[in-house]
Every structure is written in C-alpha cells, then in structure tokens.
Amino acid sequence: MKTTDNGRDRVEDLETLAEQMGYRVGPMAAAKGISVYWFECEFKRQFKRLPRDWVRELKFREVQRRRAQGELERSIARHLGYAHASNFSRAFGHHAR
C-alpha cells in the first residue's frame, strides 16, 4: 500500500479515499494501485482489522452524523451508494437512531 512519510497510511486519508470511492474496498485498492488482496493484507497488517469491517463502521458513523443533522434517509442512502432505500434500511435501519 502506498503510504505516508512515516510509513503508515493516515486514517484521515483513508476516510477521504473511502468516501471518494463510494465506500467500496475494490475501488480503494485500485486507487492505491494494488490488488484487493494486497490492500486487504496491508490494511490488516497496519490496522489489525479487515478493510470491509472498517468501511462498514465508517459508513455507520456517517449515517449517525447525517441523521443527527436531520438529513433524509434516502439522501443518506444515496450518498453511501445504496441504489435502493430498502437496502440501506436493511443495513442501517436496525441501529438506534
């Protein structure tokens, strides 16, 4: 994984990349110029977790933030890349509002 000067990717940079890539691990790996497999290996080595789990948590925090601001569910769903509100509701509807 291409890294910062101190040899580690900064979480803030990865959060920005995740948002730019639609919160999808494949496009994140492609943007880094490496395979998904290698991205997952390096991510796990650096952060002790799988990128898909981290992305899921990042999306959940974004949902909470946007809900707290009063944003409509369908707008949040669209921002997070869900084609259908039902898929979004299935993923995040069970979490406390």
PDB file of N, CA and C in Angstrom:
ATOM      1  N   MET A   1       0.856  -1.166   0.000  1.00  0.00           N
ATOM      2  CA  MET A   1       0.000   0.000   0.000  1.00  0.00           C
ATOM      3  C   MET A   1       0.898   1.223   0.000  1.00  0.00           C
ATOM      4  N   LYS A   2       0.608   2.165  -0.853  1.00  0.00           N
ATOM      5  CA  LYS A   2       1.359   3.414  -0.838  1.00  0.00           C
ATOM      6  C   LYS A   2       1.082   4.110   0.485  1.00  0.00           C
ATOM      7  N   THR A   3       2.124   4.618   1.114  1.00  0.00           N
ATOM      8  CA  THR A   3       1.971   5.138   2.458  1.00  0.00           C
ATOM      9  C   THR A   3       2.456   6.569   2.564  1.00  0.00           C
ATOM     10  N   THR A   4       2.224   7.130   3.746  1.00  0.00           N
ATOM     11  CA  THR A   4       2.692   8.483   4.019  1.00  0.00           C
ATOM     12  C   THR A   4       4.150   8.439   4.420  1.00  0.00           C
ATOM     13  N   ASP A   5       4.740   9.596   4.709  1.00  0.00           N
ATOM     14  CA  ASP A   5       6.152   9.681   5.055  1.00  0.00           C
ATOM     15  C   ASP A   5       6.547   8.815   6.239  1.00  0.00           C
ATOM     16  N   ASN A   6       5.674   8.675   7.216  1.00  0.00           N
ATOM     17  CA  ASN A   6       6.026   7.889   8.382  1.00  0.00           C
ATOM     18  C   ASN A   6       5.812   6.392   8.161  1.00  0.00           C
ATOM     19  N   GLY A   7       5.485   5.985   6.949  1.00  0.00           N
ATOM     20  CA  GLY A   7       5.355   4.583   6.617  1.00  0.00           C
ATOM     21  C   GLY A   7       3.980   3.988   6.859  1.00  0.00           C
ATOM     22  N   ARG A   8       3.035   4.780   7.298  1.00  0.00           N
ATOM     23  CA  ARG A   8       1.677   4.290   7.551  1.00  0.00           C
ATOM     24  C   ARG A   8       0.668   5.217   6.903  1.00  0.00           C
ATOM     25  N   ASP A   9      -0.383   4.622   6.390  1.00  0.00           N
ATOM     26  CA  ASP A   9      -1.478   5.435   5.857  1.00  0.00           C
ATOM     27  C   ASP A   9      -2.168   6.122   7.015  1.00  0.00           C
ATOM     28  N   ARG A  10      -2.499   7.359   6.843  1.00  0.00           N
ATOM     29  CA  ARG A  10      -3.248   8.081   7.864  1.00  0.00           C
ATOM     30  C   ARG A  10      -4.719   7.729   7.730  1.00  0.00           C
ATOM     31  N   VAL A  11      -5.362   7.540   8.856  1.00  0.00           N
ATOM     32  CA  VAL A  11      -6.783   7.185   8.862  1.00  0.00           C
ATOM     33  C   VAL A  11      -7.594   8.257   8.153  1.00  0.00           C
ATOM     34  N   GLU A  12      -7.252   9.522   8.371  1.00  0.00           N
ATOM     35  CA  GLU A  12      -7.995  10.616   7.725  1.00  0.00           C
ATOM     36  C   GLU A  12      -7.914  10.506   6.206  1.00  0.00           C
ATOM     37  N   ASP A  13      -6.736  10.150   5.702  1.00  0.00           N
ATOM     38  CA  ASP A  13      -6.573   9.989   4.258  1.00  0.00           C
ATOM     39  C   ASP A  13      -7.411   8.820   3.747  1.00  0.00           C
ATOM     40  N   LEU A  14      -7.441   7.739   4.501  1.00  0.00           N
ATOM     41  CA  LEU A  14      -8.241   6.581   4.093  1.00  0.00           C
ATOM     42  C   LEU A  14      -9.731   6.879   4.168  1.00  0.00           C
ATOM     43  N   GLU A  15     -10.149   7.672   5.138  1.00  0.00           N
ATOM     44  CA  GLU A  15     -11.560   8.047   5.220  1.00  0.00           C
ATOM     45  C   GLU A  15     -11.965   8.861   3.993  1.00  0.00           C
ATOM     46  N   THR A  16     -11.115   9.779   3.602  1.00  0.00           N
ATOM     47  CA  THR A  16     -11.376  10.584   2.404  1.00  0.00           C
ATOM     48  C   THR A  16     -11.423   9.689   1.170  1.00  0.00           C
ATOM     49  N   LEU A  17     -10.455   8.784   1.066  1.00  0.00           N
ATOM     50  CA  LEU A  17     -10.414   7.864  -0.068  1.00  0.00           C
ATOM     51  C   LEU A  17     -11.669   6.994  -0.101  1.00  0.00           C
ATOM     52  N   ALA A  18     -12.085   6.500   1.057  1.00  0.00           N
ATOM     53  CA  ALA A  18     -13.290   5.652   1.118  1.00  0.00           C
ATOM     54  C   ALA A  18     -14.495   6.419   0.599  1.00  0.00           C
ATOM     55  N   GLU A  19     -14.648   7.654   1.031  1.00  0.00           N
ATOM     56  CA  GLU A  19     -15.785   8.454   0.557  1.00  0.00           C
ATOM     57  C   GLU A  19     -15.704   8.680  -0.948  1.00  0.00           C
ATOM     58  N   GLN A  20     -14.509   9.017  -1.435  1.00  0.00           N
ATOM     59  CA  GLN A  20     -14.334   9.270  -2.868  1.00  0.00           C
ATOM     60  C   GLN A  20     -14.617   8.023  -3.709  1.00  0.00           C
ATOM     61  N   MET A  21     -14.343   6.853  -3.151  1.00  0.00           N
ATOM     62  CA  MET A  21     -14.507   5.600  -3.883  1.00  0.00           C
ATOM     63  C   MET A  21     -15.832   4.915  -3.570  1.00  0.00           C
ATOM     64  N   GLY A  22     -16.774   5.669  -3.019  1.00  0.00           N
ATOM     65  CA  GLY A  22     -18.106   5.131  -2.765  1.00  0.00           C
ATOM     66  C   GLY A  22     -18.143   4.099  -1.658  1.00  0.00           C
ATOM     67  N   TYR A  23     -17.211   4.183  -0.713  1.00  0.00           N
ATOM     68  CA  TYR A  23     -17.154   3.267   0.419  1.00  0.00           C
ATOM     69  C   TYR A  23     -17.029   1.816  -0.046  1.00  0.00           C
ATOM     70  N   ARG A  24     -16.233   1.611  -1.104  1.00  0.00           N
ATOM     71  CA  ARG A  24     -16.031   0.269  -1.660  1.00  0.00           C
ATOM     72  C   ARG A  24     -14.551  -0.057  -1.658  1.00  0.00           C
ATOM     73  N   VAL A  25     -14.224  -1.239  -1.144  1.00  0.00           N
ATOM     74  CA  VAL A  25     -12.835  -1.647  -0.971  1.00  0.00           C
ATOM     75  C   VAL A  25     -12.124  -1.823  -2.317  1.00  0.00           C
ATOM     76  N   GLY A  26     -12.798  -2.407  -3.304  1.00  0.00           N
ATOM     77  CA  GLY A  26     -12.173  -2.630  -4.613  1.00  0.00           C
ATOM     78  C   GLY A  26     -11.657  -1.341  -5.244  1.00  0.00           C
ATOM     79  N   PRO A  27     -12.495  -0.327  -5.366  1.00  0.00           N
ATOM     80  CA  PRO A  27     -12.025   0.937  -5.922  1.00  0.00           C
ATOM     81  C   PRO A  27     -10.946   1.611  -5.052  1.00  0.00           C
ATOM     82  N   MET A  28     -11.006   1.402  -3.737  1.00  0.00           N
ATOM     83  CA  MET A  28      -9.963   1.957  -2.872  1.00  0.00           C
ATOM     84  C   MET A  28      -8.618   1.321  -3.202  1.00  0.00           C
ATOM     85  N   ALA A  29      -8.616   0.005  -3.369  1.00  0.00           N
ATOM     86  CA  ALA A  29      -7.380  -0.698  -3.727  1.00  0.00           C
ATOM     87  C   ALA A  29      -6.870  -0.229  -5.081  1.00  0.00           C
ATOM     88  N   ALA A  30      -7.779  -0.097  -6.039  1.00  0.00           N
ATOM     89  CA  ALA A  30      -7.384   0.362  -7.375  1.00  0.00           C
ATOM     90  C   ALA A  30      -6.780   1.757  -7.322  1.00  0.00           C
ATOM     91  N   ALA A  31      -7.357   2.627  -6.492  1.00  0.00           N
ATOM     92  CA  ALA A  31      -6.820   3.985  -6.366  1.00  0.00           C
ATOM     93  C   ALA A  31      -5.421   3.979  -5.768  1.00  0.00           C
ATOM     94  N   LYS A  32      -5.130   2.974  -4.956  1.00  0.00           N
ATOM     95  CA  LYS A  32      -3.795   2.832  -4.366  1.00  0.00           C
ATOM     96  C   LYS A  32      -2.832   2.132  -5.326  1.00  0.00           C
ATOM     97  N   GLY A  33      -3.386   1.603  -6.422  1.00  0.00           N
ATOM     98  CA  GLY A  33      -2.542   0.942  -7.422  1.00  0.00           C
ATOM     99  C   GLY A  33      -2.152  -0.478  -7.051  1.00  0.00           C
ATOM    100  N   ILE A  34      -2.978  -1.144  -6.216  1.00  0.00           N
ATOM    101  CA  ILE A  34      -2.675  -2.512  -5.802  1.00  0.00           C
ATOM    102  C   ILE A  34      -3.941  -3.368  -5.896  1.00  0.00           C
ATOM    103  N   SER A  35      -3.751  -4.673  -5.802  1.00  0.00           N
ATOM    104  CA  SER A  35      -4.899  -5.589  -5.861  1.00  0.00           C
ATOM    105  C   SER A  35      -5.692  -5.515  -4.557  1.00  0.00           C
ATOM    106  N   VAL A  36      -6.925  -5.966  -4.635  1.00  0.00           N
ATOM    107  CA  VAL A  36      -7.770  -6.009  -3.438  1.00  0.00           C
ATOM    108  C   VAL A  36      -7.124  -6.911  -2.392  1.00  0.00           C
ATOM    109  N   TYR A  37      -6.599  -8.040  -2.820  1.00  0.00           N
ATOM    110  CA  TYR A  37      -5.955  -8.966  -1.892  1.00  0.00           C
ATOM    111  C   TYR A  37      -4.812  -8.277  -1.144  1.00  0.00           C
ATOM    112  N   TRP A  38      -3.947  -7.613  -1.873  1.00  0.00           N
ATOM    113  CA  TRP A  38      -2.797  -6.956  -1.248  1.00  0.00           C
ATOM    114  C   TRP A  38      -3.259  -5.794  -0.365  1.00  0.00           C
ATOM    115  N   PHE A  39      -4.260  -5.065  -0.802  1.00  0.00           N
ATOM    116  CA  PHE A  39      -4.811  -3.978   0.003  1.00  0.00           C
ATOM    117  C   PHE A  39      -5.334  -4.525   1.336  1.00  0.00           C
ATOM    118  N   GLU A  40      -6.075  -5.636   1.268  1.00  0.00           N
ATOM    119  CA  GLU A  40      -6.597  -6.244   2.489  1.00  0.00           C
ATOM    120  C   GLU A  40      -5.480  -6.704   3.412  1.00  0.00           C
ATOM    121  N   CYS A  41      -4.445  -7.329   2.835  1.00  0.00           N
ATOM    122  CA  CYS A  41      -3.308  -7.790   3.647  1.00  0.00           C
ATOM    123  C   CYS A  41      -2.614  -6.628   4.335  1.00  0.00           C
ATOM    124  N   GLU A  42      -2.306  -5.582   3.594  1.00  0.00           N
ATOM    125  CA  GLU A  42      -1.616  -4.421   4.153  1.00  0.00           C
ATOM    126  C   GLU A  42      -2.489  -3.679   5.155  1.00  0.00           C
ATOM    127  N   PHE A  43      -3.755  -3.563   4.849  1.00  0.00           N
ATOM    128  CA  PHE A  43      -4.675  -2.888   5.755  1.00  0.00           C
ATOM    129  C   PHE A  43      -4.739  -3.641   7.083  1.00  0.00           C
ATOM    130  N   LYS A  44      -4.874  -4.953   6.998  1.00  0.00           N
ATOM    131  CA  LYS A  44      -4.951  -5.772   8.211  1.00  0.00           C
ATOM    132  C   LYS A  44      -3.642  -5.685   8.993  1.00  0.00           C
ATOM    133  N   ARG A  45      -2.530  -5.670   8.315  1.00  0.00           N
ATOM    134  CA  ARG A  45      -1.235  -5.569   8.988  1.00  0.00           C
ATOM    135  C   ARG A  45      -1.122  -4.244   9.731  1.00  0.00           C
ATOM    136  N   GLN A  46      -1.554  -3.165   9.101  1.00  0.00           N
ATOM    137  CA  GLN A  46      -1.420  -1.838   9.701  1.00  0.00           C
ATOM    138  C   GLN A  46      -2.473  -1.550  10.760  1.00  0.00           C
ATOM    139  N   PHE A  47      -3.705  -1.986  10.524  1.00  0.00           N
ATOM    140  CA  PHE A  47      -4.816  -1.573  11.390  1.00  0.00           C
ATOM    141  C   PHE A  47      -5.451  -2.712  12.176  1.00  0.00           C
ATOM    142  N   LYS A  48      -4.947  -3.932  11.985  1.00  0.00           N
ATOM    143  CA  LYS A  48      -5.426  -5.094  12.745  1.00  0.00           C
ATOM    144  C   LYS A  48      -6.905  -5.397  12.544  1.00  0.00           C
ATOM    145  N   ARG A  49      -7.386  -5.083  11.357  1.00  0.00           N
ATOM    146  CA  ARG A  49      -8.778  -5.394  11.005  1.00  0.00           C
ATOM    147  C   ARG A  49      -8.907  -5.400   9.497  1.00  0.00           C
ATOM    148  N   LEU A  50      -9.966  -6.002   9.003  1.00  0.00           N
ATOM    149  CA  LEU A  50     -10.198  -6.046   7.558  1.00  0.00           C
ATOM    150  C   LEU A  50     -10.775  -4.717   7.086  1.00  0.00           C
ATOM    151  N   PRO A  51     -10.430  -4.297   5.876  1.00  0.00           N
ATOM    152  CA  PRO A  51     -10.943  -3.020   5.386  1.00  0.00           C
ATOM    153  C   PRO A  51     -12.462  -2.991   5.265  1.00  0.00           C
ATOM    154  N   ARG A  52     -13.081  -4.105   4.912  1.00  0.00           N
ATOM    155  CA  ARG A  52     -14.545  -4.107   4.779  1.00  0.00           C
ATOM    156  C   ARG A  52     -15.222  -3.836   6.124  1.00  0.00           C
ATOM    157  N   ASP A  53     -14.639  -4.346   7.212  1.00  0.00           N
ATOM    158  CA  ASP A  53     -15.193  -4.078   8.545  1.00  0.00           C
ATOM    159  C   ASP A  53     -15.020  -2.613   8.913  1.00  0.00           C
ATOM    160  N   TRP A  54     -13.855  -2.073   8.587  1.00  0.00           N
ATOM    161  CA  TRP A  54     -13.572  -0.663   8.857  1.00  0.00           C
ATOM    162  C   TRP A  54     -14.513   0.230   8.048  1.00  0.00           C
ATOM    163  N   VAL A  55     -14.727  -0.098   6.778  1.00  0.00           N
ATOM    164  CA  VAL A  55     -15.614   0.684   5.920  1.00  0.00           C
ATOM    165  C   VAL A  55     -17.046   0.627   6.455  1.00  0.00           C
ATOM    166  N   ARG A  56     -17.477  -0.540   6.911  1.00  0.00           N
ATOM    167  CA  ARG A  56     -18.822  -0.675   7.480  1.00  0.00           C
ATOM    168  C   ARG A  56     -18.977   0.246   8.698  1.00  0.00           C
ATOM    169  N   GLU A  57     -17.972   0.275   9.560  1.00  0.00           N
ATOM    170  CA  GLU A  57     -18.011   1.150  10.728  1.00  0.00           C
ATOM    171  C   GLU A  57     -17.998   2.623  10.319  1.00  0.00           C
ATOM    172  N   LEU A  58     -17.177   2.942   9.317  1.00  0.00           N
ATOM    173  CA  LEU A  58     -17.111   4.316   8.818  1.00  0.00           C
ATOM    174  C   LEU A  58     -18.469   4.748   8.267  1.00  0.00           C
ATOM    175  N   LYS A  59     -19.120   3.879   7.514  1.00  0.00           N
ATOM    176  CA  LYS A  59     -20.448   4.182   6.975  1.00  0.00           C
ATOM    177  C   LYS A  59     -21.457   4.384   8.099  1.00  0.00           C
ATOM    178  N   PHE A  60     -21.387   3.545   9.127  1.00  0.00           N
ATOM    179  CA  PHE A  60     -22.307   3.671  10.243  1.00  0.00           C
ATOM    180  C   PHE A  60     -22.126   5.029  10.933  1.00  0.00           C
ATOM    181  N   ARG A  61     -20.881   5.443  11.141  1.00  0.00           N
ATOM    182  CA  ARG A  61     -20.638   6.762  11.759  1.00  0.00           C
ATOM    183  C   ARG A  61     -21.180   7.882  10.890  1.00  0.00           C
ATOM    184  N   GLU A  62     -21.056   7.737   9.566  1.00  0.00           N
ATOM    185  CA  GLU A  62     -21.569   8.741   8.641  1.00  0.00           C
ATOM    186  C   GLU A  62     -23.099   8.790   8.713  1.00  0.00           C
ATOM    187  N   VAL A  63     -23.730   7.629   8.820  1.00  0.00           N
ATOM    188  CA  VAL A  63     -25.187   7.572   8.966  1.00  0.00           C
ATOM    189  C   VAL A  63     -25.607   8.302  10.233  1.00  0.00           C
ATOM    190  N   GLN A  64     -24.948   8.011  11.334  1.00  0.00           N
ATOM    191  CA  GLN A  64     -25.278   8.667  12.602  1.00  0.00           C
ATOM    192  C   GLN A  64     -25.126  10.180  12.508  1.00  0.00           C
ATOM    193  N   ARG A  65     -24.030  10.619  11.898  1.00  0.00           N
ATOM    194  CA  ARG A  65     -23.772  12.054  11.770  1.00  0.00           C
ATOM    195  C   ARG A  65     -24.855  12.729  10.941  1.00  0.00           C
ATOM    196  N   ARG A  66     -25.194  12.124   9.817  1.00  0.00           N
ATOM    197  CA  ARG A  66     -26.192  12.718   8.925  1.00  0.00           C
ATOM    198  C   ARG A  66     -27.599  12.666   9.523  1.00  0.00           C
ATOM    199  N   ARG A  67     -27.911  11.588  10.229  1.00  0.00           N
ATOM    200  CA  ARG A  67     -29.214  11.515  10.893  1.00  0.00           C
ATOM    201  C   ARG A  67     -29.325  12.602  11.955  1.00  0.00           C
ATOM    202  N   ALA A  68     -28.248  12.823  12.702  1.00  0.00           N
ATOM    203  CA  ALA A  68     -28.246  13.849  13.755  1.00  0.00           C
ATOM    204  C   ALA A  68     -28.463  15.242  13.166  1.00  0.00           C
ATOM    205  N   GLN A  69     -28.053  15.437  11.912  1.00  0.00           N
ATOM    206  CA  GLN A  69     -28.242  16.719  11.234  1.00  0.00           C
ATOM    207  C   GLN A  69     -29.621  16.827  10.593  1.00  0.00           C
ATOM    208  N   GLY A  70     -30.404  15.743  10.711  1.00  0.00           N
ATOM    209  CA  GLY A  70     -31.760  15.768  10.178  1.00  0.00           C
ATOM    210  C   GLY A  70     -31.870  15.451   8.700  1.00  0.00           C
ATOM    211  N   GLU A  71     -30.850  14.883   8.122  1.00  0.00           N
ATOM    212  CA  GLU A  71     -30.882  14.557   6.696  1.00  0.00           C
ATOM    213  C   GLU A  71     -31.851  13.406   6.436  1.00  0.00           C
ATOM    214  N   LEU A  72     -32.527  13.447   5.312  1.00  0.00           N
ATOM    215  CA  LEU A  72     -33.480  12.413   4.930  1.00  0.00           C
ATOM    216  C   LEU A  72     -32.756  11.091   4.662  1.00  0.00           C
ATOM    217  N   GLU A  73     -33.438   9.991   5.027  1.00  0.00           N
ATOM    218  CA  GLU A  73     -32.860   8.652   4.863  1.00  0.00           C
ATOM    219  C   GLU A  73     -32.464   8.379   3.407  1.00  0.00           C
ATOM    220  N   ARG A  74     -33.315   8.760   2.479  1.00  0.00           N
ATOM    221  CA  ARG A  74     -32.998   8.465   1.071  1.00  0.00           C
ATOM    222  C   ARG A  74     -31.780   9.253   0.596  1.00  0.00           C
ATOM    223  N   SER A  75     -31.580  10.432   1.148  1.00  0.00           N
ATOM    224  CA  SER A  75     -30.402  11.222   0.809  1.00  0.00           C
ATOM    225  C   SER A  75     -29.140  10.570   1.369  1.00  0.00           C
ATOM    226  N   ILE A  76     -29.236  10.087   2.590  1.00  0.00           N
ATOM    227  CA  ILE A  76     -28.102   9.383   3.205  1.00  0.00           C
ATOM    228  C   ILE A  76     -27.790   8.125   2.405  1.00  0.00           C
ATOM    229  N   ALA A  77     -28.828   7.381   2.059  1.00  0.00           N
ATOM    230  CA  ALA A  77     -28.650   6.149   1.292  1.00  0.00           C
ATOM    231  C   ALA A  77     -27.949   6.424  -0.033  1.00  0.00           C
ATOM    232  N   ARG A  78     -28.379   7.461  -0.713  1.00  0.00           N
ATOM    233  CA  ARG A  78     -27.775   7.823  -2.000  1.00  0.00           C
ATOM    234  C   ARG A  78     -26.306   8.200  -1.821  1.00  0.00           C
ATOM    235  N   HIS A  79     -26.000   8.977  -0.787  1.00  0.00           N
ATOM    236  CA  HIS A  79     -24.617   9.390  -0.516  1.00  0.00           C
ATOM    237  C   HIS A  79     -23.717   8.184  -0.264  1.00  0.00           C
ATOM    238  N   LEU A  80     -24.256   7.167   0.400  1.00  0.00           N
ATOM    239  CA  LEU A  80     -23.454   5.994   0.736  1.00  0.00           C
ATOM    240  C   LEU A  80     -23.431   4.946  -0.367  1.00  0.00           C
ATOM    241  N   GLY A  81     -24.081   5.249  -1.487  1.00  0.00           N
ATOM    242  CA  GLY A  81     -24.001   4.370  -2.643  1.00  0.00           C
ATOM    243  C   GLY A  81     -25.052   3.277  -2.707  1.00  0.00           C
ATOM    244  N   TYR A  82     -26.111   3.410  -1.936  1.00  0.00           N
ATOM    245  CA  TYR A  82     -27.186   2.423  -1.993  1.00  0.00           C
ATOM    246  C   TYR A  82     -28.152   2.800  -3.100  1.00  0.00           C
ATOM    247  N   ALA A  83     -28.396   1.863  -4.012  1.00  0.00           N
ATOM    248  CA  ALA A  83     -29.290   2.114  -5.139  1.00  0.00           C
ATOM    249  C   ALA A  83     -30.742   2.171  -4.681  1.00  0.00           C
ATOM    250  N   HIS A  84     -31.059   1.428  -3.629  1.00  0.00           N
ATOM    251  CA  HIS A  84     -32.431   1.361  -3.140  1.00  0.00           C
ATOM    252  C   HIS A  84     -32.456   1.628  -1.641  1.00  0.00           C
ATOM    253  N   ALA A  85     -33.417   2.411  -1.223  1.00  0.00           N
ATOM    254  CA  ALA A  85     -33.550   2.743   0.195  1.00  0.00           C
ATOM    255  C   ALA A  85     -33.762   1.485   1.040  1.00  0.00           C
ATOM    256  N   SER A  86     -34.387   0.468   0.468  1.00  0.00           N
ATOM    257  CA  SER A  86     -34.619  -0.761   1.230  1.00  0.00           C
ATOM    258  C   SER A  86     -33.301  -1.438   1.610  1.00  0.00           C
ATOM    259  N   ASN A  87     -32.324  -1.403   0.710  1.00  0.00           N
ATOM    260  CA  ASN A  87     -31.015  -1.978   1.023  1.00  0.00           C
ATOM    261  C   ASN A  87     -30.347  -1.198   2.148  1.00  0.00           C
ATOM    262  N   PHE A  88     -30.485   0.109   2.092  1.00  0.00           N
ATOM    263  CA  PHE A  88     -29.938   0.960   3.147  1.00  0.00           C
ATOM    264  C   PHE A  88     -30.616   0.647   4.480  1.00  0.00           C
ATOM    265  N   SER A  89     -31.939   0.540   4.467  1.00  0.00           N
ATOM    266  CA  SER A  89     -32.684   0.262   5.687  1.00  0.00           C
ATOM    267  C   SER A  89     -32.292  -1.085   6.278  1.00  0.00           C
ATOM    268  N   ARG A  90     -32.080  -2.053   5.418  1.00  0.00           N
ATOM    269  CA  ARG A  90     -31.662  -3.370   5.876  1.00  0.00           C
ATOM    270  C   ARG A  90     -30.292  -3.296   6.548  1.00  0.00           C
ATOM    271  N   ALA A  91     -29.400  -2.490   6.001  1.00  0.00           N
ATOM    272  CA  ALA A  91     -28.043  -2.372   6.540  1.00  0.00           C
ATOM    273  C   ALA A  91     -27.974  -1.517   7.804  1.00  0.00           C
ATOM    274  N   PHE A  92     -28.773  -0.443   7.855  1.00  0.00           N
ATOM    275  CA  PHE A  92     -28.631   0.516   8.944  1.00  0.00           C
ATOM    276  C   PHE A  92     -29.900   0.796   9.724  1.00  0.00           C
ATOM    277  N   GLY A  93     -31.029   0.295   9.289  1.00  0.00           N
ATOM    278  CA  GLY A  93     -32.286   0.584   9.949  1.00  0.00           C
ATOM    279  C   GLY A  93     -32.400  -0.009  11.335  1.00  0.00           C
ATOM    280  N   HIS A  94     -31.686  -1.085  11.585  1.00  0.00           N
ATOM    281  CA  HIS A  94     -31.786  -1.734  12.890  1.00  0.00           C
ATOM    282  C   HIS A  94     -30.965  -1.032  13.960  1.00  0.00           C
ATOM    283  N   HIS A  95     -30.103  -0.114  13.571  1.00  0.00           N
ATOM    284  CA  HIS A  95     -29.317   0.644  14.539  1.00  0.00           C
ATOM    285  C   HIS A  95     -30.182   1.742  15.163  1.00  0.00           C
ATOM    286  N   ALA A  96     -29.937   1.996  16.392  1.00  0.00           N
ATOM    287  CA  ALA A  96     -30.706   3.038  17.087  1.00  0.00           C
ATOM    288  C   ALA A  96     -30.493   4.380  16.416  1.00  0.00           C
ATOM    289  N   ARG A  97     -31.561   5.125  16.333  1.00  0.00           N
ATOM    290  CA  ARG A  97     -31.494   6.433  15.683  1.00  0.00           C
ATOM    291  C   ARG A  97     -31.099   7.478  16.657  1.00  0.00           C
TER     292      ARG A  97
END
